[in-house]
N, C-alpha and C. Protein backbone atom coordinates (compact mmCIF):
# COMPACT_ATOMS: atom_id res chain seq x y z
N UNK A 1 -14.01 -20.28 6.35
CA UNK A 1 -13.25 -19.61 5.30
C UNK A 1 -12.71 -20.64 4.31
N UNK A 2 -12.24 -21.77 4.80
CA UNK A 2 -11.68 -22.78 3.91
C UNK A 2 -12.74 -23.34 2.96
N UNK A 3 -13.94 -23.57 3.49
CA UNK A 3 -15.01 -24.10 2.64
C UNK A 3 -15.41 -23.08 1.58
N UNK A 4 -15.50 -21.81 1.97
CA UNK A 4 -15.84 -20.75 1.02
C UNK A 4 -14.76 -20.63 -0.05
N UNK A 5 -13.52 -20.67 0.37
CA UNK A 5 -12.41 -20.60 -0.59
C UNK A 5 -12.47 -21.76 -1.57
N UNK A 6 -12.77 -22.96 -1.07
CA UNK A 6 -12.86 -24.13 -1.95
C UNK A 6 -13.98 -23.98 -2.97
N UNK A 7 -15.14 -23.48 -2.54
CA UNK A 7 -16.25 -23.26 -3.47
C UNK A 7 -15.87 -22.25 -4.54
N UNK A 8 -15.27 -21.15 -4.11
CA UNK A 8 -14.93 -20.09 -5.06
C UNK A 8 -13.86 -20.51 -6.06
N UNK A 9 -12.82 -21.18 -5.58
CA UNK A 9 -11.76 -21.58 -6.50
C UNK A 9 -12.21 -22.70 -7.43
N UNK A 10 -13.16 -23.53 -6.99
CA UNK A 10 -13.70 -24.57 -7.86
C UNK A 10 -14.59 -23.96 -8.95
N UNK A 11 -15.42 -23.01 -8.55
CA UNK A 11 -16.35 -22.39 -9.51
C UNK A 11 -15.68 -21.36 -10.40
N UNK A 12 -14.59 -20.76 -9.93
CA UNK A 12 -13.90 -19.71 -10.69
C UNK A 12 -12.40 -20.01 -10.71
N UNK A 13 -11.97 -20.98 -11.50
CA UNK A 13 -10.54 -21.29 -11.55
C UNK A 13 -9.76 -20.11 -12.14
N UNK A 14 -8.55 -19.96 -11.66
CA UNK A 14 -7.70 -18.86 -12.14
C UNK A 14 -7.16 -19.21 -13.51
N UNK A 15 -7.45 -18.36 -14.47
CA UNK A 15 -6.97 -18.58 -15.82
C UNK A 15 -5.55 -18.03 -15.95
N UNK A 16 -4.71 -18.77 -16.63
CA UNK A 16 -3.34 -18.33 -16.84
C UNK A 16 -3.28 -17.26 -17.92
N UNK A 17 -2.72 -16.11 -17.57
CA UNK A 17 -2.56 -15.04 -18.56
C UNK A 17 -1.32 -15.34 -19.39
N UNK A 18 -1.43 -15.06 -20.67
CA UNK A 18 -0.29 -15.30 -21.56
C UNK A 18 0.66 -14.11 -21.60
N UNK A 19 0.14 -12.92 -21.33
CA UNK A 19 0.98 -11.73 -21.37
C UNK A 19 0.69 -10.87 -20.15
N UNK A 20 1.52 -9.86 -19.96
CA UNK A 20 1.30 -8.92 -18.88
C UNK A 20 1.95 -9.35 -17.58
N UNK A 21 1.82 -8.47 -16.60
CA UNK A 21 2.39 -8.73 -15.29
C UNK A 21 1.53 -9.71 -14.51
N UNK A 22 2.15 -10.50 -13.65
CA UNK A 22 1.34 -11.39 -12.80
C UNK A 22 0.57 -10.57 -11.77
N UNK A 23 -0.51 -11.12 -11.27
CA UNK A 23 -1.31 -10.42 -10.27
C UNK A 23 -0.50 -10.26 -8.99
N UNK A 24 -0.77 -9.17 -8.30
CA UNK A 24 -0.03 -8.86 -7.07
C UNK A 24 -0.47 -9.74 -5.91
N UNK A 25 -1.71 -10.22 -5.93
CA UNK A 25 -2.25 -11.02 -4.85
C UNK A 25 -2.64 -12.41 -5.35
N UNK A 26 -2.53 -13.39 -4.47
CA UNK A 26 -3.02 -14.73 -4.80
C UNK A 26 -4.54 -14.71 -4.70
N UNK A 27 -5.22 -15.71 -5.27
CA UNK A 27 -6.68 -15.75 -5.12
C UNK A 27 -7.12 -15.75 -3.65
N UNK A 28 -6.38 -16.45 -2.79
CA UNK A 28 -6.71 -16.47 -1.37
C UNK A 28 -6.63 -15.07 -0.77
N UNK A 29 -5.59 -14.33 -1.11
CA UNK A 29 -5.43 -12.97 -0.60
C UNK A 29 -6.52 -12.05 -1.15
N UNK A 30 -6.87 -12.23 -2.42
CA UNK A 30 -7.92 -11.41 -3.02
C UNK A 30 -9.26 -11.64 -2.32
N UNK A 31 -9.59 -12.91 -2.04
CA UNK A 31 -10.84 -13.23 -1.36
C UNK A 31 -10.82 -12.64 0.05
N UNK A 32 -9.72 -12.81 0.76
CA UNK A 32 -9.62 -12.28 2.12
C UNK A 32 -9.75 -10.75 2.12
N UNK A 33 -9.10 -10.07 1.19
CA UNK A 33 -9.19 -8.61 1.11
C UNK A 33 -10.63 -8.17 0.83
N UNK A 34 -11.31 -8.90 -0.04
CA UNK A 34 -12.71 -8.57 -0.37
C UNK A 34 -13.61 -8.75 0.85
N UNK A 35 -13.42 -9.85 1.57
CA UNK A 35 -14.23 -10.09 2.77
C UNK A 35 -13.96 -9.04 3.84
N UNK A 36 -12.70 -8.69 4.04
CA UNK A 36 -12.36 -7.66 5.03
C UNK A 36 -12.95 -6.32 4.62
N UNK A 37 -12.88 -6.01 3.34
CA UNK A 37 -13.44 -4.74 2.84
C UNK A 37 -14.93 -4.64 3.17
N UNK A 38 -15.67 -5.70 2.90
CA UNK A 38 -17.11 -5.66 3.13
C UNK A 38 -17.48 -5.79 4.61
N UNK A 39 -16.76 -6.57 5.36
CA UNK A 39 -17.13 -6.80 6.77
C UNK A 39 -16.67 -5.68 7.68
N UNK A 40 -15.48 -5.16 7.47
CA UNK A 40 -14.91 -4.15 8.37
C UNK A 40 -15.01 -2.73 7.85
N UNK A 41 -15.48 -2.59 6.60
CA UNK A 41 -15.64 -1.27 6.00
C UNK A 41 -14.31 -0.48 5.97
N UNK A 42 -13.23 -1.20 5.72
CA UNK A 42 -11.92 -0.56 5.66
C UNK A 42 -11.71 0.09 4.29
N UNK A 43 -11.01 1.18 4.27
CA UNK A 43 -10.72 1.88 3.02
C UNK A 43 -9.77 1.03 2.17
N UNK A 44 -9.91 1.16 0.86
CA UNK A 44 -9.06 0.38 -0.04
C UNK A 44 -7.59 0.72 0.13
N UNK A 45 -7.28 1.97 0.39
CA UNK A 45 -5.87 2.36 0.58
C UNK A 45 -5.30 1.72 1.84
N UNK A 46 -6.12 1.59 2.88
CA UNK A 46 -5.68 0.93 4.11
C UNK A 46 -5.45 -0.57 3.87
N UNK A 47 -6.36 -1.20 3.13
CA UNK A 47 -6.18 -2.61 2.79
C UNK A 47 -4.93 -2.81 1.95
N UNK A 48 -4.72 -1.91 1.01
CA UNK A 48 -3.54 -2.02 0.15
C UNK A 48 -2.26 -1.98 0.98
N UNK A 49 -2.23 -1.11 1.96
CA UNK A 49 -1.06 -1.03 2.83
C UNK A 49 -0.89 -2.32 3.64
N UNK A 50 -2.00 -2.87 4.14
CA UNK A 50 -1.94 -4.12 4.92
C UNK A 50 -1.44 -5.30 4.09
N UNK A 51 -1.84 -5.34 2.82
CA UNK A 51 -1.47 -6.46 1.95
C UNK A 51 -0.18 -6.19 1.16
N UNK A 52 0.36 -4.99 1.28
CA UNK A 52 1.61 -4.67 0.60
C UNK A 52 1.48 -4.52 -0.90
N UNK A 53 0.33 -4.02 -1.35
CA UNK A 53 0.10 -3.81 -2.79
C UNK A 53 -0.46 -2.41 -2.99
N UNK A 54 -0.69 -2.03 -4.23
CA UNK A 54 -1.27 -0.72 -4.51
C UNK A 54 -2.80 -0.77 -4.40
N UNK A 55 -3.40 0.39 -4.25
CA UNK A 55 -4.85 0.48 -4.08
C UNK A 55 -5.59 -0.09 -5.28
N UNK A 56 -5.06 0.10 -6.48
CA UNK A 56 -5.75 -0.41 -7.67
C UNK A 56 -5.82 -1.94 -7.69
N UNK A 57 -4.82 -2.62 -7.12
CA UNK A 57 -4.88 -4.08 -7.02
C UNK A 57 -6.01 -4.51 -6.10
N UNK A 58 -6.19 -3.80 -5.00
CA UNK A 58 -7.29 -4.09 -4.08
C UNK A 58 -8.62 -3.83 -4.76
N UNK A 59 -8.71 -2.73 -5.48
CA UNK A 59 -9.95 -2.37 -6.17
C UNK A 59 -10.33 -3.44 -7.19
N UNK A 60 -9.36 -3.91 -7.96
CA UNK A 60 -9.63 -4.96 -8.95
C UNK A 60 -10.06 -6.26 -8.27
N UNK A 61 -9.43 -6.60 -7.15
CA UNK A 61 -9.80 -7.82 -6.43
C UNK A 61 -11.23 -7.72 -5.91
N UNK A 62 -11.60 -6.59 -5.34
CA UNK A 62 -12.95 -6.39 -4.82
C UNK A 62 -13.96 -6.47 -5.96
N UNK A 63 -13.65 -5.83 -7.07
CA UNK A 63 -14.56 -5.87 -8.22
C UNK A 63 -14.70 -7.27 -8.79
N UNK A 64 -13.62 -8.03 -8.75
CA UNK A 64 -13.63 -9.39 -9.30
C UNK A 64 -14.40 -10.34 -8.38
N UNK A 65 -14.19 -10.26 -7.06
CA UNK A 65 -14.72 -11.27 -6.14
C UNK A 65 -16.08 -10.93 -5.53
N UNK A 66 -16.50 -9.68 -5.48
CA UNK A 66 -17.78 -9.34 -4.85
C UNK A 66 -18.96 -10.05 -5.51
N UNK A 67 -19.12 -9.99 -6.83
CA UNK A 67 -20.25 -10.72 -7.43
C UNK A 67 -20.12 -12.23 -7.28
N UNK A 68 -18.91 -12.73 -7.28
CA UNK A 68 -18.69 -14.17 -7.12
C UNK A 68 -19.06 -14.61 -5.71
N UNK A 69 -18.71 -13.80 -4.71
CA UNK A 69 -19.09 -14.11 -3.33
C UNK A 69 -20.60 -14.10 -3.17
N UNK A 70 -21.25 -13.10 -3.74
CA UNK A 70 -22.71 -13.02 -3.66
C UNK A 70 -23.36 -14.26 -4.26
N UNK A 71 -22.85 -14.69 -5.39
CA UNK A 71 -23.40 -15.88 -6.04
C UNK A 71 -23.14 -17.15 -5.22
N UNK A 72 -21.93 -17.28 -4.67
CA UNK A 72 -21.58 -18.47 -3.89
C UNK A 72 -22.37 -18.55 -2.59
N UNK A 73 -22.69 -17.42 -1.99
CA UNK A 73 -23.38 -17.39 -0.70
C UNK A 73 -24.90 -17.28 -0.83
N UNK A 74 -25.40 -17.16 -2.02
CA UNK A 74 -26.83 -16.93 -2.25
C UNK A 74 -27.71 -17.99 -1.57
N UNK A 75 -27.30 -19.24 -1.60
CA UNK A 75 -28.11 -20.32 -1.01
C UNK A 75 -28.12 -20.29 0.51
N UNK A 76 -27.18 -19.56 1.13
CA UNK A 76 -27.07 -19.52 2.58
C UNK A 76 -27.76 -18.31 3.20
N UNK A 77 -28.30 -17.41 2.39
CA UNK A 77 -28.97 -16.21 2.88
C UNK A 77 -30.46 -16.49 2.97
N UNK A 78 -31.01 -16.45 4.19
CA UNK A 78 -32.44 -16.77 4.32
C UNK A 78 -33.32 -15.63 3.79
N UNK A 79 -34.48 -16.01 3.29
CA UNK A 79 -35.48 -15.03 2.89
C UNK A 79 -36.48 -14.90 4.05
N UNK A 80 -37.38 -13.95 3.96
CA UNK A 80 -38.38 -13.75 5.02
C UNK A 80 -39.23 -14.99 5.21
N UNK A 81 -39.50 -15.70 4.14
CA UNK A 81 -40.32 -16.91 4.22
C UNK A 81 -39.59 -18.05 4.95
N UNK A 82 -38.26 -18.02 4.96
CA UNK A 82 -37.48 -19.06 5.63
C UNK A 82 -37.46 -18.91 7.15
N UNK A 83 -37.79 -17.73 7.65
CA UNK A 83 -37.67 -17.44 9.08
C UNK A 83 -38.92 -17.86 9.84
N UNK A 84 -38.70 -18.29 11.06
CA UNK A 84 -39.80 -18.71 11.93
C UNK A 84 -40.36 -17.48 12.65
N UNK A 85 -41.62 -17.13 12.43
CA UNK A 85 -42.18 -15.93 13.05
C UNK A 85 -42.35 -16.05 14.56
N UNK A 86 -42.22 -17.24 15.11
CA UNK A 86 -42.37 -17.44 16.55
C UNK A 86 -41.05 -17.29 17.31
N UNK A 87 -39.95 -17.10 16.60
CA UNK A 87 -38.64 -16.98 17.23
C UNK A 87 -38.20 -15.53 17.28
N UNK A 88 -37.35 -15.23 18.26
CA UNK A 88 -36.72 -13.92 18.34
C UNK A 88 -35.55 -13.91 17.37
N UNK A 89 -35.43 -12.85 16.60
CA UNK A 89 -34.38 -12.76 15.58
C UNK A 89 -33.44 -11.61 15.91
N UNK A 90 -32.20 -11.76 15.55
CA UNK A 90 -31.20 -10.71 15.73
C UNK A 90 -30.80 -10.22 14.35
N UNK A 91 -30.80 -8.91 14.18
CA UNK A 91 -30.44 -8.31 12.90
C UNK A 91 -29.02 -7.77 13.02
N UNK A 92 -28.17 -8.15 12.07
CA UNK A 92 -26.79 -7.66 12.04
C UNK A 92 -26.80 -6.23 11.52
N UNK A 93 -26.20 -5.34 12.27
CA UNK A 93 -26.17 -3.93 11.87
C UNK A 93 -24.88 -3.53 11.18
N UNK A 94 -24.38 -4.41 10.31
CA UNK A 94 -23.14 -4.12 9.60
C UNK A 94 -23.28 -2.86 8.76
N UNK A 95 -22.26 -2.03 8.82
CA UNK A 95 -22.26 -0.82 8.00
C UNK A 95 -22.02 -1.19 6.54
N UNK A 96 -22.76 -0.60 5.68
CA UNK A 96 -22.57 -0.80 4.24
C UNK A 96 -21.90 0.46 3.71
N UNK A 97 -20.74 0.33 3.08
CA UNK A 97 -20.05 1.52 2.58
C UNK A 97 -20.86 2.20 1.47
N UNK A 98 -20.88 3.51 1.52
CA UNK A 98 -21.59 4.25 0.48
C UNK A 98 -20.63 5.18 -0.28
N UNK A 99 -19.37 4.99 -0.08
CA UNK A 99 -18.35 5.72 -0.83
C UNK A 99 -17.10 4.86 -0.91
N UNK A 100 -16.06 5.36 -1.57
CA UNK A 100 -14.76 4.69 -1.72
C UNK A 100 -14.81 3.74 -2.89
């Protein structure tokens, strides 16, 4: 998690807003909420309650960090050509949310 956080914060530094309210979550909390959302398939309202913020803050964090996570992890995702056909492989059956 620390290495991923370092990559993301280096590639996407937080820009200082000149106006408006400050964000409810730190970048670390936003990344963690996004990872939990995708890995555990938790509802945004449940995450909002866990992090002590409103659902819209969670939604914005997920929208902000999901494409960034995909880009940062792209080099670590093997393609079919990268796999050894002589080895036994295990497929992760993670649920992918189709609503919320």
